[in-house]
Amino acid sequence: MRETTEAIVGAVTGSLTAPSSLLLGRYDDQGHLEYVGRTTTLTRAAGAAVADLLARGRRGHPWTGWSFSAGWGSQEKLNVMLVEPELVVEVGQAGR
């Protein structure tokens, strides 16, 4: 049995029309959207399917001014586009 969880898309790598990966968050007890991780690289079909469901992040996005590391221990920063945190996705949990 594969375990999954829900997360909110807060940003993407790539472009709004062709996202490469999704940066995911969950709301904490105080209502703040906390970053929890990102997906692996999306297939072209998956990126196209999700693209129509995304909207560019508006002023006051919870992650405005944040930077995201390209990987554990890496100094390289991801180039991300903030999106409105409205889309909930189901993701598989690694290592479970």
PDB file of N, CA and C in Angstrom:
ATOM      1  N   MET A   1       0.845  -1.178   0.000  1.00  0.00           N
ATOM      2  CA  MET A   1       0.000   0.000   0.000  1.00  0.00           C
ATOM      3  C   MET A   1       0.895   1.247   0.000  1.00  0.00           C
ATOM      4  N   ARG A   2       0.627   2.155  -0.886  1.00  0.00           N
ATOM      5  CA  ARG A   2       1.402   3.390  -0.989  1.00  0.00           C
ATOM      6  C   ARG A   2       0.762   4.460  -0.117  1.00  0.00           C
ATOM      7  N   GLU A   3       1.574   5.105   0.718  1.00  0.00           N
ATOM      8  CA  GLU A   3       1.068   6.178   1.565  1.00  0.00           C
ATOM      9  C   GLU A   3       1.189   7.502   0.841  1.00  0.00           C
ATOM     10  N   THR A   4       0.172   8.320   0.972  1.00  0.00           N
ATOM     11  CA  THR A   4       0.169   9.645   0.362  1.00  0.00           C
ATOM     12  C   THR A   4      -0.271  10.674   1.392  1.00  0.00           C
ATOM     13  N   THR A   5      -0.030  11.923   1.063  1.00  0.00           N
ATOM     14  CA  THR A   5      -0.471  13.025   1.901  1.00  0.00           C
ATOM     15  C   THR A   5      -0.846  14.179   0.986  1.00  0.00           C
ATOM     16  N   GLU A   6      -1.543  15.132   1.515  1.00  0.00           N
ATOM     17  CA  GLU A   6      -1.905  16.314   0.740  1.00  0.00           C
ATOM     18  C   GLU A   6      -0.983  17.464   1.089  1.00  0.00           C
ATOM     19  N   ALA A   7      -0.703  18.296   0.087  1.00  0.00           N
ATOM     20  CA  ALA A   7       0.115  19.482   0.280  1.00  0.00           C
ATOM     21  C   ALA A   7      -0.402  20.575  -0.641  1.00  0.00           C
ATOM     22  N   ILE A   8      -0.033  21.801  -0.346  1.00  0.00           N
ATOM     23  CA  ILE A   8      -0.474  22.963  -1.111  1.00  0.00           C
ATOM     24  C   ILE A   8       0.683  23.448  -1.968  1.00  0.00           C
ATOM     25  N   VAL A   9       0.403  23.710  -3.234  1.00  0.00           N
ATOM     26  CA  VAL A   9       1.427  24.226  -4.138  1.00  0.00           C
ATOM     27  C   VAL A   9       1.584  25.720  -3.880  1.00  0.00           C
ATOM     28  N   GLY A  10       2.805  26.134  -3.513  1.00  0.00           N
ATOM     29  CA  GLY A  10       3.072  27.537  -3.228  1.00  0.00           C
ATOM     30  C   GLY A  10       3.986  28.196  -4.238  1.00  0.00           C
ATOM     31  N   ALA A  11       4.704  27.380  -5.016  1.00  0.00           N
ATOM     32  CA  ALA A  11       5.623  27.906  -6.024  1.00  0.00           C
ATOM     33  C   ALA A  11       5.961  26.784  -6.995  1.00  0.00           C
ATOM     34  N   VAL A  12       6.536  27.171  -8.122  1.00  0.00           N
ATOM     35  CA  VAL A  12       6.987  26.198  -9.114  1.00  0.00           C
ATOM     36  C   VAL A  12       8.374  26.582  -9.606  1.00  0.00           C
ATOM     37  N   THR A  13       9.106  25.593 -10.098  1.00  0.00           N
ATOM     38  CA  THR A  13      10.286  25.874 -10.890  1.00  0.00           C
ATOM     39  C   THR A  13       9.848  25.763 -12.341  1.00  0.00           C
ATOM     40  N   GLY A  14      10.652  26.300 -13.244  1.00  0.00           N
ATOM     41  CA  GLY A  14      10.230  26.346 -14.634  1.00  0.00           C
ATOM     42  C   GLY A  14       9.355  27.568 -14.823  1.00  0.00           C
ATOM     43  N   SER A  15       8.283  27.418 -15.550  1.00  0.00           N
ATOM     44  CA  SER A  15       7.389  28.544 -15.797  1.00  0.00           C
ATOM     45  C   SER A  15       5.969  28.193 -15.372  1.00  0.00           C
ATOM     46  N   LEU A  16       5.140  29.197 -15.334  1.00  0.00           N
ATOM     47  CA  LEU A  16       3.744  28.994 -14.957  1.00  0.00           C
ATOM     48  C   LEU A  16       3.027  28.108 -15.980  1.00  0.00           C
ATOM     49  N   THR A  17       3.409  28.218 -17.250  1.00  0.00           N
ATOM     50  CA  THR A  17       2.768  27.435 -18.301  1.00  0.00           C
ATOM     51  C   THR A  17       3.401  26.059 -18.495  1.00  0.00           C
ATOM     52  N   ALA A  18       4.605  25.865 -17.969  1.00  0.00           N
ATOM     53  CA  ALA A  18       5.291  24.573 -18.076  1.00  0.00           C
ATOM     54  C   ALA A  18       6.117  24.322 -16.817  1.00  0.00           C
ATOM     55  N   PRO A  19       5.450  24.089 -15.685  1.00  0.00           N
ATOM     56  CA  PRO A  19       6.195  23.886 -14.434  1.00  0.00           C
ATOM     57  C   PRO A  19       7.060  22.632 -14.487  1.00  0.00           C
ATOM     58  N   SER A  20       8.277  22.742 -13.915  1.00  0.00           N
ATOM     59  CA  SER A  20       9.206  21.601 -13.864  1.00  0.00           C
ATOM     60  C   SER A  20       9.068  20.830 -12.555  1.00  0.00           C
ATOM     61  N   SER A  21       8.830  21.548 -11.454  1.00  0.00           N
ATOM     62  CA  SER A  21       8.592  20.913 -10.160  1.00  0.00           C
ATOM     63  C   SER A  21       7.701  21.837  -9.339  1.00  0.00           C
ATOM     64  N   LEU A  22       7.092  21.258  -8.323  1.00  0.00           N
ATOM     65  CA  LEU A  22       6.184  21.997  -7.452  1.00  0.00           C
ATOM     66  C   LEU A  22       6.809  22.129  -6.082  1.00  0.00           C
ATOM     67  N   LEU A  23       6.789  23.335  -5.512  1.00  0.00           N
ATOM     68  CA  LEU A  23       7.234  23.551  -4.141  1.00  0.00           C
ATOM     69  C   LEU A  23       5.988  23.509  -3.265  1.00  0.00           C
ATOM     70  N   LEU A  24       6.041  22.689  -2.245  1.00  0.00           N
ATOM     71  CA  LEU A  24       4.845  22.339  -1.481  1.00  0.00           C
ATOM     72  C   LEU A  24       4.890  22.867  -0.059  1.00  0.00           C
ATOM     73  N   GLY A  25       3.714  23.147   0.477  1.00  0.00           N
ATOM     74  CA  GLY A  25       3.608  23.625   1.836  1.00  0.00           C
ATOM     75  C   GLY A  25       2.404  23.047   2.543  1.00  0.00           C
ATOM     76  N   ARG A  26       2.376  23.308   3.836  1.00  0.00           N
ATOM     77  CA  ARG A  26       1.228  22.965   4.693  1.00  0.00           C
ATOM     78  C   ARG A  26       1.052  24.095   5.677  1.00  0.00           C
ATOM     79  N   TYR A  27      -0.183  24.334   6.059  1.00  0.00           N
ATOM     80  CA  TYR A  27      -0.466  25.375   7.043  1.00  0.00           C
ATOM     81  C   TYR A  27      -0.181  24.854   8.439  1.00  0.00           C
ATOM     82  N   ASP A  28       0.515  25.674   9.248  1.00  0.00           N
ATOM     83  CA  ASP A  28       0.773  25.306  10.637  1.00  0.00           C
ATOM     84  C   ASP A  28      -0.408  25.722  11.501  1.00  0.00           C
ATOM     85  N   ASP A  29      -0.300  25.509  12.797  1.00  0.00           N
ATOM     86  CA  ASP A  29      -1.400  25.810  13.727  1.00  0.00           C
ATOM     87  C   ASP A  29      -1.753  27.294  13.789  1.00  0.00           C
ATOM     88  N   GLN A  30      -0.803  28.155  13.393  1.00  0.00           N
ATOM     89  CA  GLN A  30      -1.062  29.603  13.403  1.00  0.00           C
ATOM     90  C   GLN A  30      -1.545  30.112  12.044  1.00  0.00           C
ATOM     91  N   GLY A  31      -1.708  29.208  11.081  1.00  0.00           N
ATOM     92  CA  GLY A  31      -2.206  29.601   9.766  1.00  0.00           C
ATOM     93  C   GLY A  31      -1.142  30.082   8.806  1.00  0.00           C
ATOM     94  N   HIS A  32       0.148  29.822   9.110  1.00  0.00           N
ATOM     95  CA  HIS A  32       1.238  30.206   8.219  1.00  0.00           C
ATOM     96  C   HIS A  32       1.550  29.054   7.277  1.00  0.00           C
ATOM     97  N   LEU A  33       1.743  29.366   5.999  1.00  0.00           N
ATOM     98  CA  LEU A  33       2.088  28.335   5.028  1.00  0.00           C
ATOM     99  C   LEU A  33       3.578  28.025   5.142  1.00  0.00           C
ATOM    100  N   GLU A  34       3.892  26.854   5.648  1.00  0.00           N
ATOM    101  CA  GLU A  34       5.273  26.429   5.859  1.00  0.00           C
ATOM    102  C   GLU A  34       5.720  25.540   4.703  1.00  0.00           C
ATOM    103  N   TYR A  35       6.921  25.768   4.216  1.00  0.00           N
ATOM    104  CA  TYR A  35       7.496  24.959   3.140  1.00  0.00           C
ATOM    105  C   TYR A  35       7.824  23.571   3.688  1.00  0.00           C
ATOM    106  N   VAL A  36       7.423  22.531   2.944  1.00  0.00           N
ATOM    107  CA  VAL A  36       7.705  21.170   3.397  1.00  0.00           C
ATOM    108  C   VAL A  36       8.528  20.364   2.395  1.00  0.00           C
ATOM    109  N   GLY A  37       8.690  20.849   1.176  1.00  0.00           N
ATOM    110  CA  GLY A  37       9.494  20.116   0.205  1.00  0.00           C
ATOM    111  C   GLY A  37       9.029  20.383  -1.211  1.00  0.00           C
ATOM    112  N   ARG A  38       9.657  19.658  -2.135  1.00  0.00           N
ATOM    113  CA  ARG A  38       9.265  19.816  -3.531  1.00  0.00           C
ATOM    114  C   ARG A  38       9.199  18.474  -4.213  1.00  0.00           C
ATOM    115  N   THR A  39       8.517  18.458  -5.327  1.00  0.00           N
ATOM    116  CA  THR A  39       8.375  17.232  -6.089  1.00  0.00           C
ATOM    117  C   THR A  39       9.650  16.959  -6.872  1.00  0.00           C
ATOM    118  N   THR A  40       9.759  15.755  -7.389  1.00  0.00           N
ATOM    119  CA  THR A  40      10.788  15.464  -8.375  1.00  0.00           C
ATOM    120  C   THR A  40      10.382  16.184  -9.661  1.00  0.00           C
ATOM    121  N   THR A  41      11.223  16.121 -10.661  1.00  0.00           N
ATOM    122  CA  THR A  41      10.914  16.764 -11.939  1.00  0.00           C
ATOM    123  C   THR A  41       9.649  16.154 -12.526  1.00  0.00           C
ATOM    124  N   LEU A  42       8.731  17.024 -12.913  1.00  0.00           N
ATOM    125  CA  LEU A  42       7.469  16.577 -13.491  1.00  0.00           C
ATOM    126  C   LEU A  42       7.668  16.140 -14.936  1.00  0.00           C
ATOM    127  N   THR A  43       6.897  15.158 -15.356  1.00  0.00           N
ATOM    128  CA  THR A  43       6.882  14.830 -16.778  1.00  0.00           C
ATOM    129  C   THR A  43       6.227  15.985 -17.516  1.00  0.00           C
ATOM    130  N   ARG A  44       6.454  16.068 -18.798  1.00  0.00           N
ATOM    131  CA  ARG A  44       5.844  17.132 -19.594  1.00  0.00           C
ATOM    132  C   ARG A  44       4.309  17.087 -19.477  1.00  0.00           C
ATOM    133  N   ALA A  45       3.756  15.883 -19.500  1.00  0.00           N
ATOM    134  CA  ALA A  45       2.296  15.731 -19.401  1.00  0.00           C
ATOM    135  C   ALA A  45       1.775  16.193 -18.044  1.00  0.00           C
ATOM    136  N   ALA A  46       2.483  15.826 -16.969  1.00  0.00           N
ATOM    137  CA  ALA A  46       2.057  16.245 -15.624  1.00  0.00           C
ATOM    138  C   ALA A  46       2.165  17.758 -15.479  1.00  0.00           C
ATOM    139  N   GLY A  47       3.236  18.344 -15.992  1.00  0.00           N
ATOM    140  CA  GLY A  47       3.395  19.798 -15.946  1.00  0.00           C
ATOM    141  C   GLY A  47       2.282  20.505 -16.683  1.00  0.00           C
ATOM    142  N   ALA A  48       1.933  19.989 -17.852  1.00  0.00           N
ATOM    143  CA  ALA A  48       0.854  20.591 -18.641  1.00  0.00           C
ATOM    144  C   ALA A  48      -0.487  20.464 -17.922  1.00  0.00           C
ATOM    145  N   ALA A  49      -0.708  19.332 -17.274  1.00  0.00           N
ATOM    146  CA  ALA A  49      -1.978  19.114 -16.571  1.00  0.00           C
ATOM    147  C   ALA A  49      -2.147  20.071 -15.400  1.00  0.00           C
ATOM    148  N   VAL A  50      -1.072  20.321 -14.669  1.00  0.00           N
ATOM    149  CA  VAL A  50      -1.163  21.196 -13.497  1.00  0.00           C
ATOM    150  C   VAL A  50      -1.119  22.676 -13.887  1.00  0.00           C
ATOM    151  N   ALA A  51      -0.516  23.006 -15.013  1.00  0.00           N
ATOM    152  CA  ALA A  51      -0.342  24.406 -15.419  1.00  0.00           C
ATOM    153  C   ALA A  51      -1.670  25.162 -15.479  1.00  0.00           C
ATOM    154  N   ASP A  52      -2.696  24.514 -15.974  1.00  0.00           N
ATOM    155  CA  ASP A  52      -4.001  25.172 -16.098  1.00  0.00           C
ATOM    156  C   ASP A  52      -4.659  25.453 -14.757  1.00  0.00           C
ATOM    157  N   LEU A  53      -4.148  24.863 -13.694  1.00  0.00           N
ATOM    158  CA  LEU A  53      -4.730  25.022 -12.362  1.00  0.00           C
ATOM    159  C   LEU A  53      -3.989  26.042 -11.506  1.00  0.00           C
ATOM    160  N   LEU A  54      -2.917  26.627 -12.055  1.00  0.00           N
ATOM    161  CA  LEU A  54      -2.077  27.546 -11.294  1.00  0.00           C
ATOM    162  C   LEU A  54      -2.344  28.995 -11.660  1.00  0.00           C
ATOM    163  N   ALA A  55      -2.187  29.874 -10.689  1.00  0.00           N
ATOM    164  CA  ALA A  55      -2.291  31.324 -10.910  1.00  0.00           C
ATOM    165  C   ALA A  55      -1.070  31.981 -10.278  1.00  0.00           C
ATOM    166  N   ARG A  56      -0.526  32.968 -10.954  1.00  0.00           N
ATOM    167  CA  ARG A  56       0.638  33.700 -10.435  1.00  0.00           C
ATOM    168  C   ARG A  56       0.325  34.230  -9.045  1.00  0.00           C
ATOM    169  N   GLY A  57       1.314  34.136  -8.160  1.00  0.00           N
ATOM    170  CA  GLY A  57       1.149  34.617  -6.794  1.00  0.00           C
ATOM    171  C   GLY A  57       0.905  36.120  -6.746  1.00  0.00           C
ATOM    172  N   ARG A  58      -0.006  36.507  -5.911  1.00  0.00           N
ATOM    173  CA  ARG A  58      -0.325  37.934  -5.745  1.00  0.00           C
ATOM    174  C   ARG A  58       0.535  38.554  -4.651  1.00  0.00           C
ATOM    175  N   ARG A  59       0.439  39.849  -4.569  1.00  0.00           N
ATOM    176  CA  ARG A  59       1.145  40.591  -3.532  1.00  0.00           C
ATOM    177  C   ARG A  59       0.768  40.030  -2.160  1.00  0.00           C
ATOM    178  N   GLY A  60       1.743  39.907  -1.283  1.00  0.00           N
ATOM    179  CA  GLY A  60       1.480  39.379   0.052  1.00  0.00           C
ATOM    180  C   GLY A  60       1.550  37.866   0.143  1.00  0.00           C
ATOM    181  N   HIS A  61       2.065  37.214  -0.908  1.00  0.00           N
ATOM    182  CA  HIS A  61       2.211  35.756  -0.870  1.00  0.00           C
ATOM    183  C   HIS A  61       3.028  35.373   0.364  1.00  0.00           C
ATOM    184  N   PRO A  62       2.671  34.287   1.059  1.00  0.00           N
ATOM    185  CA  PRO A  62       3.369  33.912   2.292  1.00  0.00           C
ATOM    186  C   PRO A  62       4.870  33.653   2.118  1.00  0.00           C
ATOM    187  N   TRP A  63       5.331  33.347   0.910  1.00  0.00           N
ATOM    188  CA  TRP A  63       6.738  33.043   0.694  1.00  0.00           C
ATOM    189  C   TRP A  63       7.489  34.179   0.005  1.00  0.00           C
ATOM    190  N   THR A  64       6.896  35.357  -0.052  1.00  0.00           N
ATOM    191  CA  THR A  64       7.581  36.503  -0.657  1.00  0.00           C
ATOM    192  C   THR A  64       8.903  36.749   0.070  1.00  0.00           C
ATOM    193  N   GLY A  65       9.982  36.875  -0.699  1.00  0.00           N
ATOM    194  CA  GLY A  65      11.298  37.132  -0.126  1.00  0.00           C
ATOM    195  C   GLY A  65      12.062  35.885   0.292  1.00  0.00           C
ATOM    196  N   TRP A  66      11.461  34.731   0.221  1.00  0.00           N
ATOM    197  CA  TRP A  66      12.136  33.492   0.586  1.00  0.00           C
ATOM    198  C   TRP A  66      13.062  33.057  -0.541  1.00  0.00           C
ATOM    199  N   SER A  67      14.076  32.272  -0.198  1.00  0.00           N
ATOM    200  CA  SER A  67      14.887  31.606  -1.208  1.00  0.00           C
ATOM    201  C   SER A  67      14.876  30.119  -0.882  1.00  0.00           C
ATOM    202  N   PHE A  68      15.011  29.322  -1.897  1.00  0.00           N
ATOM    203  CA  PHE A  68      14.914  27.873  -1.744  1.00  0.00           C
ATOM    204  C   PHE A  68      16.176  27.224  -2.291  1.00  0.00           C
ATOM    205  N   SER A  69      16.775  26.343  -1.515  1.00  0.00           N
ATOM    206  CA  SER A  69      17.999  25.653  -1.901  1.00  0.00           C
ATOM    207  C   SER A  69      17.697  24.625  -2.986  1.00  0.00           C
ATOM    208  N   ALA A  70      18.654  24.473  -3.916  1.00  0.00           N
ATOM    209  CA  ALA A  70      18.499  23.482  -4.985  1.00  0.00           C
ATOM    210  C   ALA A  70      18.641  22.056  -4.452  1.00  0.00           C
ATOM    211  N   GLY A  71      19.255  21.892  -3.289  1.00  0.00           N
ATOM    212  CA  GLY A  71      19.412  20.558  -2.718  1.00  0.00           C
ATOM    213  C   GLY A  71      20.042  20.638  -1.346  1.00  0.00           C
ATOM    214  N   TRP A  72      20.009  19.521  -0.619  1.00  0.00           N
ATOM    215  CA  TRP A  72      20.585  19.482   0.719  1.00  0.00           C
ATOM    216  C   TRP A  72      22.060  19.838   0.651  1.00  0.00           C
ATOM    217  N   GLY A  73      22.481  20.811   1.450  1.00  0.00           N
ATOM    218  CA  GLY A  73      23.875  21.208   1.523  1.00  0.00           C
ATOM    219  C   GLY A  73      24.356  22.056   0.361  1.00  0.00           C
ATOM    220  N   SER A  74      23.468  22.391  -0.545  1.00  0.00           N
ATOM    221  CA  SER A  74      23.844  23.167  -1.732  1.00  0.00           C
ATOM    222  C   SER A  74      23.700  24.662  -1.465  1.00  0.00           C
ATOM    223  N   GLN A  75      24.633  25.439  -1.992  1.00  0.00           N
ATOM    224  CA  GLN A  75      24.530  26.898  -1.917  1.00  0.00           C
ATOM    225  C   GLN A  75      23.711  27.441  -3.082  1.00  0.00           C
ATOM    226  N   GLU A  76      23.481  26.608  -4.107  1.00  0.00           N
ATOM    227  CA  GLU A  76      22.719  27.026  -5.282  1.00  0.00           C
ATOM    228  C   GLU A  76      21.255  27.239  -4.901  1.00  0.00           C
ATOM    229  N   LYS A  77      20.691  28.337  -5.377  1.00  0.00           N
ATOM    230  CA  LYS A  77      19.291  28.655  -5.092  1.00  0.00           C
ATOM    231  C   LYS A  77      18.417  28.344  -6.298  1.00  0.00           C
ATOM    232  N   LEU A  78      17.223  27.863  -6.031  1.00  0.00           N
ATOM    233  CA  LEU A  78      16.259  27.595  -7.103  1.00  0.00           C
ATOM    234  C   LEU A  78      15.666  28.897  -7.609  1.00  0.00           C
ATOM    235  N   ASN A  79      15.430  28.961  -8.886  1.00  0.00           N
ATOM    236  CA  ASN A  79      14.704  30.064  -9.483  1.00  0.00           C
ATOM    237  C   ASN A  79      13.233  29.643  -9.486  1.00  0.00           C
ATOM    238  N   VAL A  80      12.432  30.264  -8.648  1.00  0.00           N
ATOM    239  CA  VAL A  80      11.032  29.847  -8.503  1.00  0.00           C
ATOM    240  C   VAL A  80      10.076  30.975  -8.870  1.00  0.00           C
ATOM    241  N   MET A  81       8.871  30.563  -9.219  1.00  0.00           N
ATOM    242  CA  MET A  81       7.778  31.499  -9.443  1.00  0.00           C
ATOM    243  C   MET A  81       6.715  31.198  -8.396  1.00  0.00           C
ATOM    244  N   LEU A  82       6.364  32.199  -7.602  1.00  0.00           N
ATOM    245  CA  LEU A  82       5.320  32.011  -6.590  1.00  0.00           C
ATOM    246  C   LEU A  82       3.972  31.888  -7.279  1.00  0.00           C
ATOM    247  N   VAL A  83       3.142  30.978  -6.769  1.00  0.00           N
ATOM    248  CA  VAL A  83       1.782  30.803  -7.272  1.00  0.00           C
ATOM    249  C   VAL A  83       0.815  30.952  -6.114  1.00  0.00           C
ATOM    250  N   GLU A  84      -0.418  31.288  -6.443  1.00  0.00           N
ATOM    251  CA  GLU A  84      -1.425  31.407  -5.393  1.00  0.00           C
ATOM    252  C   GLU A  84      -1.564  30.059  -4.683  1.00  0.00           C
ATOM    253  N   PRO A  85      -1.474  30.030  -3.374  1.00  0.00           N
ATOM    254  CA  PRO A  85      -1.541  28.766  -2.634  1.00  0.00           C
ATOM    255  C   PRO A  85      -2.982  28.268  -2.515  1.00  0.00           C
ATOM    256  N   GLU A  86      -3.524  27.848  -3.651  1.00  0.00           N
ATOM    257  CA  GLU A  86      -4.913  27.382  -3.717  1.00  0.00           C
ATOM    258  C   GLU A  86      -5.029  25.923  -4.141  1.00  0.00           C
ATOM    259  N   LEU A  87      -4.015  25.425  -4.848  1.00  0.00           N
ATOM    260  CA  LEU A  87      -4.081  24.075  -5.390  1.00  0.00           C
ATOM    261  C   LEU A  87      -3.545  23.073  -4.375  1.00  0.00           C
ATOM    262  N   VAL A  88      -4.377  22.092  -4.030  1.00  0.00           N
ATOM    263  CA  VAL A  88      -3.985  21.003  -3.138  1.00  0.00           C
ATOM    264  C   VAL A  88      -3.690  19.785  -4.009  1.00  0.00           C
ATOM    265  N   VAL A  89      -2.533  19.179  -3.774  1.00  0.00           N
ATOM    266  CA  VAL A  89      -2.139  17.995  -4.534  1.00  0.00           C
ATOM    267  C   VAL A  89      -1.895  16.846  -3.580  1.00  0.00           C
ATOM    268  N   GLU A  90      -2.012  15.652  -4.094  1.00  0.00           N
ATOM    269  CA  GLU A  90      -1.717  14.451  -3.328  1.00  0.00           C
ATOM    270  C   GLU A  90      -0.341  13.965  -3.754  1.00  0.00           C
ATOM    271  N   VAL A  91       0.527  13.756  -2.782  1.00  0.00           N
ATOM    272  CA  VAL A  91       1.892  13.336  -3.076  1.00  0.00           C
ATOM    273  C   VAL A  91       2.233  12.076  -2.296  1.00  0.00           C
ATOM    274  N   GLY A  92       3.078  11.240  -2.894  1.00  0.00           N
ATOM    275  CA  GLY A  92       3.571  10.060  -2.203  1.00  0.00           C
ATOM    276  C   GLY A  92       4.601  10.456  -1.187  1.00  0.00           C
ATOM    277  N   GLN A  93       4.675   9.745  -0.087  1.00  0.00           N
ATOM    278  CA  GLN A  93       5.637  10.031   0.966  1.00  0.00           C
ATOM    279  C   GLN A  93       6.838   9.118   0.820  1.00  0.00           C
ATOM    280  N   ALA A  94       8.019   9.710   0.684  1.00  0.00           N
ATOM    281  CA  ALA A  94       9.246   8.932   0.547  1.00  0.00           C
ATOM    282  C   ALA A  94       9.612   8.266   1.865  1.00  0.00           C
ATOM    283  N   GLY A  95      10.172   7.090   1.746  1.00  0.00           N
ATOM    284  CA  GLY A  95      10.703   6.406   2.920  1.00  0.00           C
ATOM    285  C   GLY A  95       9.673   5.867   3.891  1.00  0.00           C
ATOM    286  N   ARG A  96       8.475   5.681   3.452  1.00  0.00           N
ATOM    287  CA  ARG A  96       7.444   5.164   4.353  1.00  0.00           C
ATOM    288  C   ARG A  96       7.131   3.734   4.059  1.00  0.00           C
TER     289      ARG A  96
END
